[in-house]
C-alpha cells in the first residue's frame, strides 16, 4: 500500500480518468478534478511518510526485543 501511495501521480490519474462524460456525470470541471487529485497526492505522500516512519520504529522495537532474549 505504501508503494501505491508513494507512486500516486495526480497528472497520470487525471489522464486516465478524465473525459467530458466523466466531468458531466460527476459535475466536475477539469480544474476542480485536478485540484482534488493534487490534494489526494499530497495526502498520500504524507501517509507514505508516516507508514515508512512507523515501519522503522517497529523494526527498532523488534530489534530491541531480540537483544533482550
PDB file of N, CA and C in Angstrom:
ATOM      1  N   UNK A   1       0.821  -1.178   0.000  1.00  0.00           N
ATOM      2  CA  UNK A   1       0.000   0.000   0.000  1.00  0.00           C
ATOM      3  C   UNK A   1       0.875   1.256   0.000  1.00  0.00           C
ATOM      4  N   UNK A   2       1.959   1.221   0.774  1.00  0.00           N
ATOM      5  CA  UNK A   2       2.838   2.376   0.837  1.00  0.00           C
ATOM      6  C   UNK A   2       3.399   2.721  -0.541  1.00  0.00           C
ATOM      7  N   UNK A   3       3.739   1.714  -1.305  1.00  0.00           N
ATOM      8  CA  UNK A   3       4.293   1.947  -2.640  1.00  0.00           C
ATOM      9  C   UNK A   3       3.255   2.589  -3.550  1.00  0.00           C
ATOM     10  N   UNK A   4       2.010   2.132  -3.457  1.00  0.00           N
ATOM     11  CA  UNK A   4       0.946   2.736  -4.281  1.00  0.00           C
ATOM     12  C   UNK A   4       0.722   4.182  -3.888  1.00  0.00           C
ATOM     13  N   UNK A   5       0.750   4.458  -2.581  1.00  0.00           N
ATOM     14  CA  UNK A   5       0.611   5.841  -2.130  1.00  0.00           C
ATOM     15  C   UNK A   5       1.760   6.687  -2.666  1.00  0.00           C
ATOM     16  N   UNK A   6       2.961   6.168  -2.518  1.00  0.00           N
ATOM     17  CA  UNK A   6       4.159   6.908  -2.916  1.00  0.00           C
ATOM     18  C   UNK A   6       4.175   7.172  -4.419  1.00  0.00           C
ATOM     19  N   UNK A   7       3.667   6.241  -5.202  1.00  0.00           N
ATOM     20  CA  UNK A   7       3.715   6.351  -6.664  1.00  0.00           C
ATOM     21  C   UNK A   7       2.493   7.038  -7.277  1.00  0.00           C
ATOM     22  N   UNK A   8       1.554   7.475  -6.450  1.00  0.00           N
ATOM     23  CA  UNK A   8       0.364   8.153  -6.973  1.00  0.00           C
ATOM     24  C   UNK A   8       0.782   9.440  -7.662  1.00  0.00           C
ATOM     25  N   UNK A   9       0.305   9.653  -8.856  1.00  0.00           N
ATOM     26  CA  UNK A   9       0.614  10.852  -9.622  1.00  0.00           C
ATOM     27  C   UNK A   9      -0.693  11.468 -10.112  1.00  0.00           C
ATOM     28  N   UNK A  10      -0.966  12.685  -9.664  1.00  0.00           N
ATOM     29  CA  UNK A  10      -2.226  13.353  -9.997  1.00  0.00           C
ATOM     30  C   UNK A  10      -2.408  13.497 -11.502  1.00  0.00           C
ATOM     31  N   UNK A  11      -1.351  13.853 -12.209  1.00  0.00           N
ATOM     32  CA  UNK A  11      -1.463  14.021 -13.662  1.00  0.00           C
ATOM     33  C   UNK A  11      -1.804  12.711 -14.364  1.00  0.00           C
ATOM     34  N   UNK A  12      -1.145  11.636 -13.957  1.00  0.00           N
ATOM     35  CA  UNK A  12      -1.436  10.328 -14.557  1.00  0.00           C
ATOM     36  C   UNK A  12      -2.881   9.913 -14.290  1.00  0.00           C
ATOM     37  N   UNK A  13      -3.339  10.121 -13.058  1.00  0.00           N
ATOM     38  CA  UNK A  13      -4.723   9.763 -12.719  1.00  0.00           C
ATOM     39  C   UNK A  13      -5.713  10.587 -13.529  1.00  0.00           C
ATOM     40  N   UNK A  14      -5.416  11.868 -13.672  1.00  0.00           N
ATOM     41  CA  UNK A  14      -6.292  12.725 -14.455  1.00  0.00           C
ATOM     42  C   UNK A  14      -6.400  12.212 -15.886  1.00  0.00           C
ATOM     43  N   UNK A  15      -5.253  11.945 -16.488  1.00  0.00           N
ATOM     44  CA  UNK A  15      -5.246  11.473 -17.875  1.00  0.00           C
ATOM     45  C   UNK A  15      -5.978  10.142 -18.026  1.00  0.00           C
ATOM     46  N   UNK A  16      -5.884   9.309 -17.018  1.00  0.00           N
ATOM     47  CA  UNK A  16      -6.542   8.002 -17.088  1.00  0.00           C
ATOM     48  C   UNK A  16      -8.057   8.111 -16.913  1.00  0.00           C
ATOM     49  N   UNK A  17      -8.512   9.023 -16.060  1.00  0.00           N
ATOM     50  CA  UNK A  17      -9.918   9.067 -15.690  1.00  0.00           C
ATOM     51  C   UNK A  17     -10.745  10.125 -16.419  1.00  0.00           C
ATOM     52  N   UNK A  18     -10.138  11.235 -16.776  1.00  0.00           N
ATOM     53  CA  UNK A  18     -10.923  12.364 -17.264  1.00  0.00           C
ATOM     54  C   UNK A  18     -11.467  12.136 -18.661  1.00  0.00           C
ATOM     55  N   UNK A  19     -12.710  12.471 -18.797  1.00  0.00           N
ATOM     56  CA  UNK A  19     -13.361  12.581 -20.097  1.00  0.00           C
ATOM     57  C   UNK A  19     -14.483  13.600 -19.923  1.00  0.00           C
ATOM     58  N   UNK A  20     -14.968  14.104 -21.007  1.00  0.00           N
ATOM     59  CA  UNK A  20     -16.076  15.058 -20.955  1.00  0.00           C
ATOM     60  C   UNK A  20     -17.271  14.428 -20.227  1.00  0.00           C
ATOM     61  N   UNK A  21     -17.545  13.169 -20.547  1.00  0.00           N
ATOM     62  CA  UNK A  21     -18.675  12.472 -19.927  1.00  0.00           C
ATOM     63  C   UNK A  21     -18.456  12.295 -18.416  1.00  0.00           C
ATOM     64  N   UNK A  22     -17.221  11.976 -18.025  1.00  0.00           N
ATOM     65  CA  UNK A  22     -16.889  11.835 -16.611  1.00  0.00           C
ATOM     66  C   UNK A  22     -17.173  13.144 -15.879  1.00  0.00           C
ATOM     67  N   UNK A  23     -16.743  14.251 -16.455  1.00  0.00           N
ATOM     68  CA  UNK A  23     -16.975  15.559 -15.855  1.00  0.00           C
ATOM     69  C   UNK A  23     -18.448  15.884 -15.729  1.00  0.00           C
ATOM     70  N   UNK A  24     -19.200  15.608 -16.763  1.00  0.00           N
ATOM     71  CA  UNK A  24     -20.639  15.868 -16.709  1.00  0.00           C
ATOM     72  C   UNK A  24     -21.318  15.004 -15.656  1.00  0.00           C
ATOM     73  N   UNK A  25     -20.977  13.731 -15.642  1.00  0.00           N
ATOM     74  CA  UNK A  25     -21.589  12.794 -14.700  1.00  0.00           C
ATOM     75  C   UNK A  25     -21.318  13.201 -13.250  1.00  0.00           C
ATOM     76  N   UNK A  26     -20.100  13.638 -12.966  1.00  0.00           N
ATOM     77  CA  UNK A  26     -19.699  13.973 -11.594  1.00  0.00           C
ATOM     78  C   UNK A  26     -19.798  15.461 -11.269  1.00  0.00           C
ATOM     79  N   UNK A  27     -20.215  16.245 -12.253  1.00  0.00           N
ATOM     80  CA  UNK A  27     -20.360  17.696 -12.077  1.00  0.00           C
ATOM     81  C   UNK A  27     -19.041  18.355 -11.681  1.00  0.00           C
ATOM     82  N   UNK A  28     -17.954  17.928 -12.320  1.00  0.00           N
ATOM     83  CA  UNK A  28     -16.627  18.500 -12.097  1.00  0.00           C
ATOM     84  C   UNK A  28     -16.173  19.213 -13.356  1.00  0.00           C
ATOM     85  N   UNK A  29     -15.518  20.313 -13.158  1.00  0.00           N
ATOM     86  CA  UNK A  29     -14.773  20.935 -14.243  1.00  0.00           C
ATOM     87  C   UNK A  29     -13.370  20.327 -14.187  1.00  0.00           C
ATOM     88  N   UNK A  30     -12.624  20.347 -15.280  1.00  0.00           N
ATOM     89  CA  UNK A  30     -11.283  19.762 -15.251  1.00  0.00           C
ATOM     90  C   UNK A  30     -10.413  20.348 -14.132  1.00  0.00           C
ATOM     91  N   UNK A  31     -10.472  21.647 -13.936  1.00  0.00           N
ATOM     92  CA  UNK A  31      -9.647  22.277 -12.900  1.00  0.00           C
ATOM     93  C   UNK A  31     -10.040  21.806 -11.502  1.00  0.00           C
ATOM     94  N   UNK A  32     -11.324  21.574 -11.282  1.00  0.00           N
ATOM     95  CA  UNK A  32     -11.771  21.074  -9.974  1.00  0.00           C
ATOM     96  C   UNK A  32     -11.254  19.660  -9.739  1.00  0.00           C
ATOM     97  N   UNK A  33     -11.320  18.845 -10.763  1.00  0.00           N
ATOM     98  CA  UNK A  33     -10.902  17.461 -10.629  1.00  0.00           C
ATOM     99  C   UNK A  33      -9.401  17.350 -10.400  1.00  0.00           C
ATOM    100  N   UNK A  34      -8.602  18.105 -11.154  1.00  0.00           N
ATOM    101  CA  UNK A  34      -7.154  18.030 -10.959  1.00  0.00           C
ATOM    102  C   UNK A  34      -6.790  18.553  -9.575  1.00  0.00           C
ATOM    103  N   UNK A  35      -7.502  19.559  -9.088  1.00  0.00           N
ATOM    104  CA  UNK A  35      -7.233  20.063  -7.738  1.00  0.00           C
ATOM    105  C   UNK A  35      -7.494  18.977  -6.689  1.00  0.00           C
ATOM    106  N   UNK A  36      -8.562  18.227  -6.858  1.00  0.00           N
ATOM    107  CA  UNK A  36      -8.847  17.124  -5.931  1.00  0.00           C
ATOM    108  C   UNK A  36      -7.741  16.072  -5.990  1.00  0.00           C
ATOM    109  N   UNK A  37      -7.297  15.761  -7.199  1.00  0.00           N
ATOM    110  CA  UNK A  37      -6.233  14.772  -7.346  1.00  0.00           C
ATOM    111  C   UNK A  37      -4.918  15.264  -6.740  1.00  0.00           C
ATOM    112  N   UNK A  38      -4.620  16.548  -6.877  1.00  0.00           N
ATOM    113  CA  UNK A  38      -3.413  17.099  -6.260  1.00  0.00           C
ATOM    114  C   UNK A  38      -3.494  17.029  -4.737  1.00  0.00           C
ATOM    115  N   UNK A  39      -4.689  17.284  -4.192  1.00  0.00           N
ATOM    116  CA  UNK A  39      -4.888  17.132  -2.746  1.00  0.00           C
ATOM    117  C   UNK A  39      -4.671  15.681  -2.327  1.00  0.00           C
ATOM    118  N   UNK A  40      -5.210  14.765  -3.129  1.00  0.00           N
ATOM    119  CA  UNK A  40      -5.007  13.337  -2.851  1.00  0.00           C
ATOM    120  C   UNK A  40      -3.523  12.990  -2.873  1.00  0.00           C
ATOM    121  N   UNK A  41      -2.803  13.514  -3.851  1.00  0.00           N
ATOM    122  CA  UNK A  41      -1.380  13.231  -3.972  1.00  0.00           C
ATOM    123  C   UNK A  41      -0.633  13.691  -2.716  1.00  0.00           C
ATOM    124  N   UNK A  42      -0.932  14.901  -2.252  1.00  0.00           N
ATOM    125  CA  UNK A  42      -0.301  15.405  -1.022  1.00  0.00           C
ATOM    126  C   UNK A  42      -0.621  14.513   0.170  1.00  0.00           C
ATOM    127  N   UNK A  43      -1.874  14.118   0.276  1.00  0.00           N
ATOM    128  CA  UNK A  43      -2.306  13.255   1.381  1.00  0.00           C
ATOM    129  C   UNK A  43      -1.586  11.903   1.330  1.00  0.00           C
ATOM    130  N   UNK A  44      -1.503  11.317   0.154  1.00  0.00           N
ATOM    131  CA  UNK A  44      -0.856  10.014   0.018  1.00  0.00           C
ATOM    132  C   UNK A  44       0.639  10.090   0.329  1.00  0.00           C
ATOM    133  N   UNK A  45       1.276  11.187  -0.044  1.00  0.00           N
ATOM    134  CA  UNK A  45       2.691  11.362   0.280  1.00  0.00           C
ATOM    135  C   UNK A  45       2.878  11.389   1.791  1.00  0.00           C
ATOM    136  N   UNK A  46       2.029  12.132   2.487  1.00  0.00           N
ATOM    137  CA  UNK A  46       2.121  12.191   3.949  1.00  0.00           C
ATOM    138  C   UNK A  46       1.856  10.823   4.580  1.00  0.00           C
ATOM    139  N   UNK A  47       0.863  10.108   4.071  1.00  0.00           N
ATOM    140  CA  UNK A  47       0.579   8.762   4.582  1.00  0.00           C
ATOM    141  C   UNK A  47       1.770   7.839   4.368  1.00  0.00           C
ATOM    142  N   UNK A  48       2.374   7.919   3.194  1.00  0.00           N
ATOM    143  CA  UNK A  48       3.528   7.079   2.889  1.00  0.00           C
ATOM    144  C   UNK A  48       4.676   7.368   3.844  1.00  0.00           C
ATOM    145  N   UNK A  49       4.924   8.641   4.111  1.00  0.00           N
ATOM    146  CA  UNK A  49       5.991   9.014   5.046  1.00  0.00           C
ATOM    147  C   UNK A  49       5.719   8.457   6.439  1.00  0.00           C
ATOM    148  N   UNK A  50       4.474   8.582   6.889  1.00  0.00           N
ATOM    149  CA  UNK A  50       4.113   8.087   8.217  1.00  0.00           C
ATOM    150  C   UNK A  50       4.237   6.566   8.292  1.00  0.00           C
ATOM    151  N   UNK A  51       3.843   5.882   7.231  1.00  0.00           N
ATOM    152  CA  UNK A  51       3.943   4.427   7.209  1.00  0.00           C
ATOM    153  C   UNK A  51       5.402   3.991   7.258  1.00  0.00           C
ATOM    154  N   UNK A  52       6.249   4.677   6.505  1.00  0.00           N
ATOM    155  CA  UNK A  52       7.676   4.348   6.491  1.00  0.00           C
ATOM    156  C   UNK A  52       8.282   4.585   7.867  1.00  0.00           C
ATOM    157  N   UNK A  53       7.943   5.722   8.475  1.00  0.00           N
ATOM    158  CA  UNK A  53       8.459   6.044   9.804  1.00  0.00           C
ATOM    159  C   UNK A  53       8.016   4.994  10.823  1.00  0.00           C
ATOM    160  N   UNK A  54       6.755   4.609  10.752  1.00  0.00           N
ATOM    161  CA  UNK A  54       6.243   3.607  11.702  1.00  0.00           C
ATOM    162  C   UNK A  54       6.915   2.261  11.469  1.00  0.00           C
ATOM    163  N   UNK A  55       7.147   1.897  10.242  1.00  0.00           N
ATOM    164  CA  UNK A  55       7.833   0.632   9.945  1.00  0.00           C
ATOM    165  C   UNK A  55       9.239   0.646  10.529  1.00  0.00           C
ATOM    166  N   UNK A  56       9.921   1.779  10.416  1.00  0.00           N
ATOM    167  CA  UNK A  56      11.251   1.883  11.009  1.00  0.00           C
ATOM    168  C   UNK A  56      11.178   1.750  12.531  1.00  0.00           C
ATOM    169  N   UNK A  57      10.193   2.366  13.156  1.00  0.00           N
ATOM    170  CA  UNK A  57      10.037   2.274  14.609  1.00  0.00           C
ATOM    171  C   UNK A  57       9.777   0.835  15.037  1.00  0.00           C
ATOM    172  N   UNK A  58       8.926   0.141  14.292  1.00  0.00           N
ATOM    173  CA  UNK A  58       8.623  -1.248  14.626  1.00  0.00           C
ATOM    174  C   UNK A  58       9.850  -2.130  14.469  1.00  0.00           C
ATOM    175  N   UNK A  59      10.633  -1.892  13.430  1.00  0.00           N
ATOM    176  CA  UNK A  59      11.851  -2.668  13.229  1.00  0.00           C
ATOM    177  C   UNK A  59      12.796  -2.458  14.406  1.00  0.00           C
ATOM    178  N   UNK A  60      12.896  -1.228  14.870  1.00  0.00           N
ATOM    179  CA  UNK A  60      13.751  -0.919  16.014  1.00  0.00           C
ATOM    180  C   UNK A  60      13.236  -1.624  17.262  1.00  0.00           C
ATOM    181  N   UNK A  61      11.904  -1.614  17.451  1.00  0.00           N
ATOM    182  CA  UNK A  61      11.315  -2.279  18.617  1.00  0.00           C
ATOM    183  C   UNK A  61      11.569  -3.781  18.568  1.00  0.00           C
ATOM    184  N   UNK A  62      11.449  -4.379  17.405  1.00  0.00           N
ATOM    185  CA  UNK A  62      11.697  -5.818  17.255  1.00  0.00           C
ATOM    186  C   UNK A  62      13.164  -6.121  17.552  1.00  0.00           C
ATOM    187  N   UNK A  63      14.056  -5.283  17.033  1.00  0.00           N
ATOM    188  CA  UNK A  63      15.489  -5.464  17.261  1.00  0.00           C
ATOM    189  C   UNK A  63      15.798  -5.398  18.763  1.00  0.00           C
ATOM    190  N   UNK A  64      15.170  -4.463  19.495  1.00  0.00           N
ATOM    191  CA  UNK A  64      15.385  -4.357  20.930  1.00  0.00           C
ATOM    192  C   UNK A  64      14.894  -5.612  21.652  1.00  0.00           C
ATOM    193  N   UNK A  65      13.763  -6.147  21.236  1.00  0.00           N
ATOM    194  CA  UNK A  65      13.210  -7.350  21.851  1.00  0.00           C
ATOM    195  C   UNK A  65      14.137  -8.537  21.635  1.00  0.00           C
ATOM    196  N   UNK A  66      14.701  -8.663  20.444  1.00  0.00           N
ATOM    197  CA  UNK A  66      15.605  -9.765  20.156  1.00  0.00           C
ATOM    198  C   UNK A  66      16.871  -9.675  20.999  1.00  0.00           C
ATOM    199  N   UNK A  67      17.330  -8.464  21.274  1.00  0.00           N
ATOM    200  CA  UNK A  67      18.521  -8.294  22.103  1.00  0.00           C
ATOM    201  C   UNK A  67      18.265  -8.722  23.548  1.00  0.00           C
ATOM    202  N   UNK A  68      17.040  -8.521  24.027  1.00  0.00           N
ATOM    203  CA  UNK A  68      16.687  -8.854  25.402  1.00  0.00           C
ATOM    204  C   UNK A  68      16.575 -10.359  25.623  1.00  0.00           C
ATOM    205  N   UNK A  69      16.393 -11.100  24.573  1.00  0.00           N
ATOM    206  CA  UNK A  69      16.194 -12.547  24.717  1.00  0.00           C
ATOM    207  C   UNK A  69      17.459 -13.291  25.006  1.00  0.00           C
TER     208      UNK A  69
END
